[in-house]
Full PDB file with SEQRES, HELIX, SHEET, SSBOND, CRYST1, ORIGX, SCALE, CONECT and MASTER records, all heavy atoms in Angstrom:
SEQRES   1 A   37  SER PRO TYR ALA VAL THR LEU LEU TYR VAL ALA VAL ALA          
SEQRES   2 A   37  GLY VAL TYR VAL TYR GLY ILE TYR LYS TRP TYR GLN LYS          
SEQRES   3 A   37  GLY PRO VAL HIS ILE GLU LYS SER GLY PHE ASN                  
HELIX    1 AA1 PRO A    2  GLN A   25  1                                  24    
CRYST1    1.000    1.000    1.000  90.00  90.00  90.00 P 1           1          
ORIGX1      1.000000  0.000000  0.000000        0.00000                         
ORIGX2      0.000000  1.000000  0.000000        0.00000                         
ORIGX3      0.000000  0.000000  1.000000        0.00000                         
SCALE1      1.000000  0.000000  0.000000        0.00000                         
SCALE2      0.000000  1.000000  0.000000        0.00000                         
SCALE3      0.000000  0.000000  1.000000        0.00000                         
ATOM      1  N   SER A   1      19.672 -21.153 -28.320  1.00  0.00           N  
ATOM      2  CA  SER A   1      20.333 -22.443 -28.098  1.00  0.00           C  
ATOM      3  C   SER A   1      21.112 -22.875 -29.341  1.00  0.00           C  
ATOM      4  O   SER A   1      20.543 -22.970 -30.429  1.00  0.00           O  
ATOM      5  CB  SER A   1      19.281 -23.516 -27.783  1.00  0.00           C  
ATOM      6  OG  SER A   1      19.848 -24.806 -27.873  1.00  0.00           O  
ATOM      7  N   PRO A   2      22.416 -23.142 -29.187  1.00  0.00           N  
ATOM      8  CA  PRO A   2      23.218 -23.580 -30.343  1.00  0.00           C  
ATOM      9  C   PRO A   2      22.683 -24.866 -30.968  1.00  0.00           C  
ATOM     10  O   PRO A   2      22.751 -25.037 -32.179  1.00  0.00           O  
ATOM     11  CB  PRO A   2      24.606 -23.798 -29.747  1.00  0.00           C  
ATOM     12  CG  PRO A   2      24.630 -22.981 -28.504  1.00  0.00           C  
ATOM     13  CD  PRO A   2      23.228 -23.006 -27.975  1.00  0.00           C  
ATOM     14  N   TYR A   3      22.137 -25.760 -30.133  1.00  0.00           N  
ATOM     15  CA  TYR A   3      21.622 -27.032 -30.644  1.00  0.00           C  
ATOM     16  C   TYR A   3      20.362 -26.815 -31.487  1.00  0.00           C  
ATOM     17  O   TYR A   3      20.230 -27.385 -32.573  1.00  0.00           O  
ATOM     18  CB  TYR A   3      21.323 -27.981 -29.479  1.00  0.00           C  
ATOM     19  CG  TYR A   3      22.539 -28.275 -28.634  1.00  0.00           C  
ATOM     20  CD1 TYR A   3      22.712 -27.664 -27.396  1.00  0.00           C  
ATOM     21  CD2 TYR A   3      23.527 -29.151 -29.084  1.00  0.00           C  
ATOM     22  CE1 TYR A   3      23.832 -27.920 -26.619  1.00  0.00           C  
ATOM     23  CE2 TYR A   3      24.659 -29.417 -28.314  1.00  0.00           C  
ATOM     24  CZ  TYR A   3      24.801 -28.797 -27.084  1.00  0.00           C  
ATOM     25  OH  TYR A   3      25.915 -29.046 -26.340  1.00  0.00           O  
ATOM     26  N   ALA A   4      19.459 -25.978 -30.989  1.00  0.00           N  
ATOM     27  CA  ALA A   4      18.228 -25.711 -31.731  1.00  0.00           C  
ATOM     28  C   ALA A   4      18.514 -24.958 -33.027  1.00  0.00           C  
ATOM     29  O   ALA A   4      17.977 -25.288 -34.085  1.00  0.00           O  
ATOM     30  CB  ALA A   4      17.259 -24.910 -30.858  1.00  0.00           C  
ATOM     31  N   VAL A   5      19.379 -23.941 -32.937  1.00  0.00           N  
ATOM     32  CA  VAL A   5      19.720 -23.151 -34.120  1.00  0.00           C  
ATOM     33  C   VAL A   5      20.412 -24.023 -35.167  1.00  0.00           C  
ATOM     34  O   VAL A   5      20.088 -23.954 -36.361  1.00  0.00           O  
ATOM     35  CB  VAL A   5      20.616 -21.954 -33.742  1.00  0.00           C  
ATOM     36  CG1 VAL A   5      21.165 -21.275 -35.001  1.00  0.00           C  
ATOM     37  CG2 VAL A   5      19.838 -20.949 -32.908  1.00  0.00           C  
ATOM     38  N   THR A   6      21.344 -24.849 -34.729  1.00  0.00           N  
ATOM     39  CA  THR A   6      22.073 -25.713 -35.662  1.00  0.00           C  
ATOM     40  C   THR A   6      21.129 -26.704 -36.327  1.00  0.00           C  
ATOM     41  O   THR A   6      21.219 -26.950 -37.539  1.00  0.00           O  
ATOM     42  CB  THR A   6      23.201 -26.468 -34.937  1.00  0.00           C  
ATOM     43  OG1 THR A   6      24.103 -25.523 -34.348  1.00  0.00           O  
ATOM     44  CG2 THR A   6      23.970 -27.355 -35.906  1.00  0.00           C  
ATOM     45  N   LEU A   7      20.219 -27.280 -35.557  1.00  0.00           N  
ATOM     46  CA  LEU A   7      19.257 -28.233 -36.110  1.00  0.00           C  
ATOM     47  C   LEU A   7      18.380 -27.584 -37.170  1.00  0.00           C  
ATOM     48  O   LEU A   7      18.191 -28.136 -38.269  1.00  0.00           O  
ATOM     49  CB  LEU A   7      18.391 -28.800 -34.988  1.00  0.00           C  
ATOM     50  CG  LEU A   7      17.361 -29.862 -35.400  1.00  0.00           C  
ATOM     51  CD1 LEU A   7      18.059 -31.086 -35.984  1.00  0.00           C  
ATOM     52  CD2 LEU A   7      16.504 -30.265 -34.207  1.00  0.00           C  
ATOM     53  N   LEU A   8      17.852 -26.394 -36.867  1.00  0.00           N  
ATOM     54  CA  LEU A   8      17.016 -25.684 -37.828  1.00  0.00           C  
ATOM     55  C   LEU A   8      17.830 -25.258 -39.059  1.00  0.00           C  
ATOM     56  O   LEU A   8      17.345 -25.331 -40.195  1.00  0.00           O  
ATOM     57  CB  LEU A   8      16.380 -24.463 -37.169  1.00  0.00           C  
ATOM     58  CG  LEU A   8      15.231 -24.758 -36.196  1.00  0.00           C  
ATOM     59  CD1 LEU A   8      14.836 -23.491 -35.445  1.00  0.00           C  
ATOM     60  CD2 LEU A   8      14.032 -25.334 -36.934  1.00  0.00           C  
ATOM     61  N   TYR A   9      19.045 -24.806 -38.818  1.00  0.00           N  
ATOM     62  CA  TYR A   9      19.924 -24.400 -39.921  1.00  0.00           C  
ATOM     63  C   TYR A   9      20.178 -25.572 -40.870  1.00  0.00           C  
ATOM     64  O   TYR A   9      20.079 -25.420 -42.096  1.00  0.00           O  
ATOM     65  CB  TYR A   9      21.231 -23.873 -39.359  1.00  0.00           C  
ATOM     66  CG  TYR A   9      22.336 -23.727 -40.386  1.00  0.00           C  
ATOM     67  CD1 TYR A   9      22.313 -22.699 -41.327  1.00  0.00           C  
ATOM     68  CD2 TYR A   9      23.391 -24.649 -40.427  1.00  0.00           C  
ATOM     69  CE1 TYR A   9      23.320 -22.582 -42.277  1.00  0.00           C  
ATOM     70  CE2 TYR A   9      24.400 -24.524 -41.364  1.00  0.00           C  
ATOM     71  CZ  TYR A   9      24.363 -23.499 -42.289  1.00  0.00           C  
ATOM     72  OH  TYR A   9      25.357 -23.407 -43.223  1.00  0.00           O  
ATOM     73  N   VAL A  10      20.513 -26.724 -40.313  1.00  0.00           N  
ATOM     74  CA  VAL A  10      20.790 -27.905 -41.137  1.00  0.00           C  
ATOM     75  C   VAL A  10      19.560 -28.282 -41.956  1.00  0.00           C  
ATOM     76  O   VAL A  10      19.664 -28.617 -43.146  1.00  0.00           O  
ATOM     77  CB  VAL A  10      21.244 -29.088 -40.253  1.00  0.00           C  
ATOM     78  CG1 VAL A  10      21.274 -30.388 -41.050  1.00  0.00           C  
ATOM     79  CG2 VAL A  10      22.627 -28.810 -39.662  1.00  0.00           C  
ATOM     80  N   ALA A  11      18.388 -28.202 -41.333  1.00  0.00           N  
ATOM     81  CA  ALA A  11      17.151 -28.564 -42.031  1.00  0.00           C  
ATOM     82  C   ALA A  11      16.858 -27.605 -43.175  1.00  0.00           C  
ATOM     83  O   ALA A  11      16.599 -28.027 -44.313  1.00  0.00           O  
ATOM     84  CB  ALA A  11      15.988 -28.584 -41.037  1.00  0.00           C  
ATOM     85  N   VAL A  12      16.906 -26.300 -42.911  1.00  0.00           N  
ATOM     86  CA  VAL A  12      16.556 -25.309 -43.938  1.00  0.00           C  
ATOM     87  C   VAL A  12      17.633 -25.230 -45.018  1.00  0.00           C  
ATOM     88  O   VAL A  12      17.327 -25.176 -46.217  1.00  0.00           O  
ATOM     89  CB  VAL A  12      16.323 -23.923 -43.298  1.00  0.00           C  
ATOM     90  CG1 VAL A  12      15.987 -22.890 -44.374  1.00  0.00           C  
ATOM     91  CG2 VAL A  12      15.200 -23.994 -42.277  1.00  0.00           C  
ATOM     92  N   ALA A  13      18.899 -25.230 -44.600  1.00  0.00           N  
ATOM     93  CA  ALA A  13      19.994 -25.205 -45.578  1.00  0.00           C  
ATOM     94  C   ALA A  13      19.984 -26.475 -46.417  1.00  0.00           C  
ATOM     95  O   ALA A  13      20.300 -26.444 -47.616  1.00  0.00           O  
ATOM     96  CB  ALA A  13      21.335 -25.052 -44.865  1.00  0.00           C  
ATOM     97  N   GLY A  14      19.597 -27.588 -45.810  1.00  0.00           N  
ATOM     98  CA  GLY A  14      19.499 -28.842 -46.557  1.00  0.00           C  
ATOM     99  C   GLY A  14      18.445 -28.770 -47.651  1.00  0.00           C  
ATOM    100  O   GLY A  14      18.641 -29.282 -48.759  1.00  0.00           O  
ATOM    101  N   VAL A  15      17.328 -28.126 -47.348  1.00  0.00           N  
ATOM    102  CA  VAL A  15      16.278 -27.936 -48.358  1.00  0.00           C  
ATOM    103  C   VAL A  15      16.796 -27.072 -49.506  1.00  0.00           C  
ATOM    104  O   VAL A  15      16.538 -27.351 -50.693  1.00  0.00           O  
ATOM    105  CB  VAL A  15      15.025 -27.298 -47.728  1.00  0.00           C  
ATOM    106  CG1 VAL A  15      14.022 -26.882 -48.805  1.00  0.00           C  
ATOM    107  CG2 VAL A  15      14.378 -28.264 -46.743  1.00  0.00           C  
ATOM    108  N   TYR A  16      17.539 -26.017 -49.168  1.00  0.00           N  
ATOM    109  CA  TYR A  16      18.109 -25.145 -50.207  1.00  0.00           C  
ATOM    110  C   TYR A  16      19.066 -25.929 -51.108  1.00  0.00           C  
ATOM    111  O   TYR A  16      18.988 -25.851 -52.340  1.00  0.00           O  
ATOM    112  CB  TYR A  16      18.845 -23.967 -49.557  1.00  0.00           C  
ATOM    113  CG  TYR A  16      19.657 -23.158 -50.542  1.00  0.00           C  
ATOM    114  CD1 TYR A  16      19.044 -22.207 -51.360  1.00  0.00           C  
ATOM    115  CD2 TYR A  16      21.036 -23.362 -50.687  1.00  0.00           C  
ATOM    116  CE1 TYR A  16      19.776 -21.485 -52.287  1.00  0.00           C  
ATOM    117  CE2 TYR A  16      21.775 -22.639 -51.607  1.00  0.00           C  
ATOM    118  CZ  TYR A  16      21.150 -21.709 -52.413  1.00  0.00           C  
ATOM    119  OH  TYR A  16      21.883 -20.996 -53.331  1.00  0.00           O  
ATOM    120  N   VAL A  17      19.958 -26.697 -50.496  1.00  0.00           N  
ATOM    121  CA  VAL A  17      20.937 -27.479 -51.268  1.00  0.00           C  
ATOM    122  C   VAL A  17      20.229 -28.490 -52.162  1.00  0.00           C  
ATOM    123  O   VAL A  17      20.589 -28.661 -53.340  1.00  0.00           O  
ATOM    124  CB  VAL A  17      21.925 -28.200 -50.320  1.00  0.00           C  
ATOM    125  CG1 VAL A  17      22.753 -29.238 -51.078  1.00  0.00           C  
ATOM    126  CG2 VAL A  17      22.846 -27.196 -49.652  1.00  0.00           C  
ATOM    127  N   TYR A  18      19.214 -29.142 -51.624  1.00  0.00           N  
ATOM    128  CA  TYR A  18      18.466 -30.136 -52.417  1.00  0.00           C  
ATOM    129  C   TYR A  18      17.805 -29.478 -53.624  1.00  0.00           C  
ATOM    130  O   TYR A  18      17.850 -29.997 -54.736  1.00  0.00           O  
ATOM    131  CB  TYR A  18      17.415 -30.811 -51.535  1.00  0.00           C  
ATOM    132  CG  TYR A  18      16.556 -31.807 -52.281  1.00  0.00           C  
ATOM    133  CD1 TYR A  18      17.043 -33.077 -52.589  1.00  0.00           C  
ATOM    134  CD2 TYR A  18      15.260 -31.470 -52.684  1.00  0.00           C  
ATOM    135  CE1 TYR A  18      16.263 -33.991 -53.281  1.00  0.00           C  
ATOM    136  CE2 TYR A  18      14.471 -32.373 -53.380  1.00  0.00           C  
ATOM    137  CZ  TYR A  18      14.974 -33.629 -53.679  1.00  0.00           C  
ATOM    138  OH  TYR A  18      14.204 -34.530 -54.375  1.00  0.00           O  
ATOM    139  N   GLY A  19      17.206 -28.310 -53.392  1.00  0.00           N  
ATOM    140  CA  GLY A  19      16.555 -27.605 -54.489  1.00  0.00           C  
ATOM    141  C   GLY A  19      17.524 -27.187 -55.581  1.00  0.00           C  
ATOM    142  O   GLY A  19      17.243 -27.356 -56.777  1.00  0.00           O  
ATOM    143  N   ILE A  20      18.675 -26.652 -55.179  1.00  0.00           N  
ATOM    144  CA  ILE A  20      19.679 -26.240 -56.161  1.00  0.00           C  
ATOM    145  C   ILE A  20      20.239 -27.450 -56.906  1.00  0.00           C  
ATOM    146  O   ILE A  20      20.479 -27.398 -58.123  1.00  0.00           O  
ATOM    147  CB  ILE A  20      20.816 -25.449 -55.474  1.00  0.00           C  
ATOM    148  CG1 ILE A  20      20.288 -24.134 -54.883  1.00  0.00           C  
ATOM    149  CG2 ILE A  20      21.941 -25.156 -56.466  1.00  0.00           C  
ATOM    150  CD1 ILE A  20      19.764 -23.155 -55.907  1.00  0.00           C  
ATOM    151  N   TYR A  21      20.423 -28.547 -56.192  1.00  0.00           N  
ATOM    152  CA  TYR A  21      20.965 -29.751 -56.836  1.00  0.00           C  
ATOM    153  C   TYR A  21      19.992 -30.301 -57.879  1.00  0.00           C  
ATOM    154  O   TYR A  21      20.410 -30.704 -58.980  1.00  0.00           O  
ATOM    155  CB  TYR A  21      21.275 -30.814 -55.789  1.00  0.00           C  
ATOM    156  CG  TYR A  21      21.864 -32.074 -56.373  1.00  0.00           C  
ATOM    157  CD1 TYR A  21      23.135 -32.065 -56.953  1.00  0.00           C  
ATOM    158  CD2 TYR A  21      21.142 -33.264 -56.386  1.00  0.00           C  
ATOM    159  CE1 TYR A  21      23.678 -33.211 -57.521  1.00  0.00           C  
ATOM    160  CE2 TYR A  21      21.673 -34.418 -56.946  1.00  0.00           C  
ATOM    161  CZ  TYR A  21      22.936 -34.385 -57.509  1.00  0.00           C  
ATOM    162  OH  TYR A  21      23.461 -35.526 -58.070  1.00  0.00           O  
ATOM    163  N   LYS A  22      18.709 -30.322 -57.555  1.00  0.00           N  
ATOM    164  CA  LYS A  22      17.721 -30.796 -58.524  1.00  0.00           C  
ATOM    165  C   LYS A  22      17.683 -29.868 -59.738  1.00  0.00           C  
ATOM    166  O   LYS A  22      17.496 -30.326 -60.877  1.00  0.00           O  
ATOM    167  CB  LYS A  22      16.336 -30.875 -57.871  1.00  0.00           C  
ATOM    168  CG  LYS A  22      16.246 -31.862 -56.726  1.00  0.00           C  
ATOM    169  CD  LYS A  22      16.608 -33.282 -57.142  1.00  0.00           C  
ATOM    170  CE  LYS A  22      15.551 -33.906 -58.012  1.00  0.00           C  
ATOM    171  NZ  LYS A  22      15.837 -35.331 -58.323  1.00  0.00           N  
ATOM    172  N   TRP A  23      17.847 -28.592 -59.509  1.00  0.00           N  
ATOM    173  CA  TRP A  23      17.919 -27.613 -60.596  1.00  0.00           C  
ATOM    174  C   TRP A  23      19.140 -27.887 -61.465  1.00  0.00           C  
ATOM    175  O   TRP A  23      19.048 -27.916 -62.694  1.00  0.00           O  
ATOM    176  CB  TRP A  23      17.974 -26.207 -59.981  1.00  0.00           C  
ATOM    177  CG  TRP A  23      18.015 -25.069 -60.966  1.00  0.00           C  
ATOM    178  CD1 TRP A  23      17.840 -25.128 -62.311  1.00  0.00           C  
ATOM    179  CD2 TRP A  23      18.248 -23.687 -60.658  1.00  0.00           C  
ATOM    180  NE1 TRP A  23      17.965 -23.871 -62.874  1.00  0.00           N  
ATOM    181  CE2 TRP A  23      18.200 -22.974 -61.880  1.00  0.00           C  
ATOM    182  CE3 TRP A  23      18.488 -22.991 -59.471  1.00  0.00           C  
ATOM    183  CZ2 TRP A  23      18.411 -21.593 -61.934  1.00  0.00           C  
ATOM    184  CZ3 TRP A  23      18.681 -21.622 -59.524  1.00  0.00           C  
ATOM    185  CH2 TRP A  23      18.639 -20.929 -60.746  1.00  0.00           C  
ATOM    186  N   TYR A  24      20.267 -28.124 -60.839  1.00  0.00           N  
ATOM    187  CA  TYR A  24      21.507 -28.416 -61.553  1.00  0.00           C  
ATOM    188  C   TYR A  24      21.360 -29.662 -62.421  1.00  0.00           C  
ATOM    189  O   TYR A  24      21.868 -29.717 -63.553  1.00  0.00           O  
ATOM    190  CB  TYR A  24      22.640 -28.599 -60.539  1.00  0.00           C  
ATOM    191  CG  TYR A  24      23.876 -29.269 -61.086  1.00  0.00           C  
ATOM    192  CD1 TYR A  24      24.759 -28.588 -61.933  1.00  0.00           C  
ATOM    193  CD2 TYR A  24      24.179 -30.591 -60.757  1.00  0.00           C  
ATOM    194  CE1 TYR A  24      25.893 -29.203 -62.433  1.00  0.00           C  
ATOM    195  CE2 TYR A  24      25.322 -31.212 -61.249  1.00  0.00           C  
ATOM    196  CZ  TYR A  24      26.167 -30.519 -62.090  1.00  0.00           C  
ATOM    197  OH  TYR A  24      27.294 -31.129 -62.585  1.00  0.00           O  
ATOM    198  N   GLN A  25      20.656 -30.662 -61.917  1.00  0.00           N  
ATOM    199  CA  GLN A  25      20.525 -31.931 -62.626  1.00  0.00           C  
ATOM    200  C   GLN A  25      19.653 -31.843 -63.878  1.00  0.00           C  
ATOM    201  O   GLN A  25      19.669 -32.763 -64.695  1.00  0.00           O  
ATOM    202  CB  GLN A  25      19.937 -32.994 -61.690  1.00  0.00           C  
ATOM    203  CG  GLN A  25      20.935 -33.553 -60.694  1.00  0.00           C  
ATOM    204  CD  GLN A  25      20.339 -34.737 -59.951  1.00  0.00           C  
ATOM    205  OE1 GLN A  25      19.218 -34.669 -59.457  1.00  0.00           O  
ATOM    206  NE2 GLN A  25      21.074 -35.824 -59.879  1.00  0.00           N  
ATOM    207  N   LYS A  26      18.910 -30.778 -64.039  1.00  0.00           N  
ATOM    208  CA  LYS A  26      17.975 -30.671 -65.164  1.00  0.00           C  
ATOM    209  C   LYS A  26      18.665 -30.490 -66.507  1.00  0.00           C  
ATOM    210  O   LYS A  26      18.051 -30.674 -67.556  1.00  0.00           O  
ATOM    211  CB  LYS A  26      17.002 -29.512 -64.926  1.00  0.00           C  
ATOM    212  CG  LYS A  26      15.959 -29.797 -63.852  1.00  0.00           C  
ATOM    213  CD  LYS A  26      14.947 -28.679 -63.739  1.00  0.00           C  
ATOM    214  CE  LYS A  26      13.867 -29.000 -62.723  1.00  0.00           C  
ATOM    215  NZ  LYS A  26      12.856 -27.915 -62.617  1.00  0.00           N  
ATOM    216  N   GLY A  27      19.930 -30.088 -66.500  1.00  0.00           N  
ATOM    217  CA  GLY A  27      20.647 -29.881 -67.755  1.00  0.00           C  
ATOM    218  C   GLY A  27      21.947 -30.657 -67.779  1.00  0.00           C  
ATOM    219  O   GLY A  27      22.667 -30.693 -66.780  1.00  0.00           O  
ATOM    220  N   PRO A  28      22.278 -31.302 -68.905  1.00  0.00           N  
ATOM    221  CA  PRO A  28      23.513 -32.084 -68.990  1.00  0.00           C  
ATOM    222  C   PRO A  28      24.741 -31.197 -69.177  1.00  0.00           C  
ATOM    223  O   PRO A  28      24.663 -30.098 -69.718  1.00  0.00           O  
ATOM    224  CB  PRO A  28      23.283 -32.954 -70.231  1.00  0.00           C  
ATOM    225  CG  PRO A  28      22.389 -32.111 -71.095  1.00  0.00           C  
ATOM    226  CD  PRO A  28      21.496 -31.360 -70.144  1.00  0.00           C  
ATOM    227  N   VAL A  29      25.865 -31.678 -68.690  1.00  0.00           N  
ATOM    228  CA  VAL A  29      27.153 -31.024 -68.911  1.00  0.00           C  
ATOM    229  C   VAL A  29      28.082 -32.049 -69.554  1.00  0.00           C  
ATOM    230  O   VAL A  29      28.286 -33.132 -69.007  1.00  0.00           O  
ATOM    231  CB  VAL A  29      27.772 -30.520 -67.583  1.00  0.00           C  
ATOM    232  CG1 VAL A  29      29.153 -29.921 -67.835  1.00  0.00           C  
ATOM    233  CG2 VAL A  29      26.859 -29.500 -66.924  1.00  0.00           C  
ATOM    234  N   HIS A  30      28.621 -31.705 -70.723  1.00  0.00           N  
ATOM    235  CA  HIS A  30      29.505 -32.619 -71.448  1.00  0.00           C  
ATOM    236  C   HIS A  30      30.946 -32.100 -71.375  1.00  0.00           C  
ATOM    237  O   HIS A  30      31.218 -30.966 -71.748  1.00  0.00           O  
ATOM    238  CB  HIS A  30      29.073 -32.736 -72.907  1.00  0.00           C  
ATOM    239  CG  HIS A  30      30.004 -33.563 -73.732  1.00  0.00           C  
ATOM    240  ND1 HIS A  30      30.087 -34.937 -73.615  1.00  0.00           N  
ATOM    241  CD2 HIS A  30      30.912 -33.211 -74.686  1.00  0.00           C  
ATOM    242  CE1 HIS A  30      30.999 -35.397 -74.451  1.00  0.00           C  
ATOM    243  NE2 HIS A  30      31.510 -34.362 -75.119  1.00  0.00           N  
ATOM    244  N   ILE A  31      31.837 -32.956 -70.900  1.00  0.00           N  
ATOM    245  CA  ILE A  31      33.247 -32.572 -70.757  1.00  0.00           C  
ATOM    246  C   ILE A  31      34.112 -33.626 -71.439  1.00  0.00           C  
ATOM    247  O   ILE A  31      34.145 -34.783 -71.009  1.00  0.00           O  
ATOM    248  CB  ILE A  31      33.655 -32.438 -69.269  1.00  0.00           C  
ATOM    249  CG1 ILE A  31      32.746 -31.444 -68.549  1.00  0.00           C  
ATOM    250  CG2 ILE A  31      35.116 -32.001 -69.150  1.00  0.00           C  
ATOM    251  CD1 ILE A  31      32.947 -31.396 -67.048  1.00  0.00           C  
ATOM    252  N   GLU A  32      34.788 -33.227 -72.504  1.00  0.00           N  
ATOM    253  CA  GLU A  32      35.677 -34.134 -73.224  1.00  0.00           C  
ATOM    254  C   GLU A  32      36.949 -34.391 -72.420  1.00  0.00           C  
ATOM    255  O   GLU A  32      37.390 -33.559 -71.625  1.00  0.00           O  
ATOM    256  CB  GLU A  32      36.058 -33.537 -74.581  1.00  0.00           C  
ATOM    257  CG  GLU A  32      34.971 -33.609 -75.626  1.00  0.00           C  
ATOM    258  CD  GLU A  32      34.758 -35.015 -76.170  1.00  0.00           C  
ATOM    259  OE1 GLU A  32      35.723 -35.825 -76.148  1.00  0.00           O  
ATOM    260  OE2 GLU A  32      33.634 -35.300 -76.609  1.00  0.00           O  
ATOM    261  N   LYS A  33      37.542 -35.560 -72.651  1.00  0.00           N  
ATOM    262  CA  LYS A  33      38.819 -35.880 -72.033  1.00  0.00           C  
ATOM    263  C   LYS A  33      39.912 -34.980 -72.605  1.00  0.00           C  
ATOM    264  O   LYS A  33      39.962 -34.725 -73.801  1.00  0.00           O  
ATOM    265  CB  LYS A  33      39.188 -37.344 -72.291  1.00  0.00           C  
ATOM    266  CG  LYS A  33      38.551 -38.330 -71.332  1.00  0.00           C  
ATOM    267  CD  LYS A  33      39.146 -38.198 -69.934  1.00  0.00           C  
ATOM    268  CE  LYS A  33      38.532 -39.220 -68.985  1.00  0.00           C  
ATOM    269  NZ  LYS A  33      39.053 -39.048 -67.612  1.00  0.00           N  
ATOM    270  N   SER A  34      40.773 -34.495 -71.715  1.00  0.00           N  
ATOM    271  CA  SER A  34      41.882 -33.647 -72.150  1.00  0.00           C  
ATOM    272  C   SER A  34      43.002 -33.786 -71.131  1.00  0.00           C  
ATOM    273  O   SER A  34      42.896 -34.550 -70.164  1.00  0.00           O  
ATOM    274  CB  SER A  34      41.442 -32.178 -72.238  1.00  0.00           C  
ATOM    275  OG  SER A  34      41.169 -31.663 -70.943  1.00  0.00           O  
ATOM    276  N   GLY A  35      44.064 -33.023 -71.332  1.00  0.00           N  
ATOM    277  CA  GLY A  35      45.162 -33.054 -70.386  1.00  0.00           C  
ATOM    278  C   GLY A  35      44.765 -32.564 -69.010  1.00  0.00           C  
ATOM    279  O   GLY A  35      45.419 -32.882 -68.010  1.00  0.00           O  
ATOM    280  N   PHE A  36      43.684 -31.790 -68.950  1.00  0.00           N  
ATOM    281  CA  PHE A  36      43.233 -31.250 -67.663  1.00  0.00           C  
ATOM    282  C   PHE A  36      42.544 -32.297 -66.789  1.00  0.00           C  
ATOM    283  O   PHE A  36      42.564 -32.201 -65.570  1.00  0.00           O  
ATOM    284  CB  PHE A  36      42.275 -30.077 -67.886  1.00  0.00           C  
ATOM    285  CG  PHE A  36      42.935 -28.848 -68.433  1.00  0.00           C  
ATOM    286  CD1 PHE A  36      42.583 -28.361 -69.687  1.00  0.00           C  
ATOM    287  CD2 PHE A  36      43.903 -28.163 -67.697  1.00  0.00           C  
ATOM    288  CE1 PHE A  36      43.183 -27.219 -70.197  1.00  0.00           C  
ATOM    289  CE2 PHE A  36      44.501 -27.027 -68.210  1.00  0.00           C  
ATOM    290  CZ  PHE A  36      44.142 -26.550 -69.456  1.00  0.00           C  
ATOM    291  N   ASN A  37      41.894 -33.266 -67.413  1.00  0.00           N  
ATOM    292  CA  ASN A  37      41.131 -34.234 -66.627  1.00  0.00           C  
ATOM    293  C   ASN A  37      41.517 -35.686 -66.900  1.00  0.00           C  
ATOM    294  O   ASN A  37      40.760 -36.603 -66.600  1.00  0.00           O  
ATOM    295  CB  ASN A  37      39.626 -34.042 -66.868  1.00  0.00           C  
ATOM    296  CG  ASN A  37      39.243 -34.182 -68.335  1.00  0.00           C  
ATOM    297  OD1 ASN A  37      40.077 -34.486 -69.174  1.00  0.00           O  
ATOM    298  ND2 ASN A  37      37.971 -33.957 -68.642  1.00  0.00           N  
TER     299      ASN A  37                                                      
MASTER        0    0    0    1    0    0    0    6  298    1    0    3          
END                                                                             
């Protein structure tokens, strides 16, 4: 069922994204102002 598969996919992929995002947040990134930004 496309509905069941999509629902499960969103749930599991959402957990993956949340985990990676929390991992990303553990370290700071410093970007100075320049012509690029």
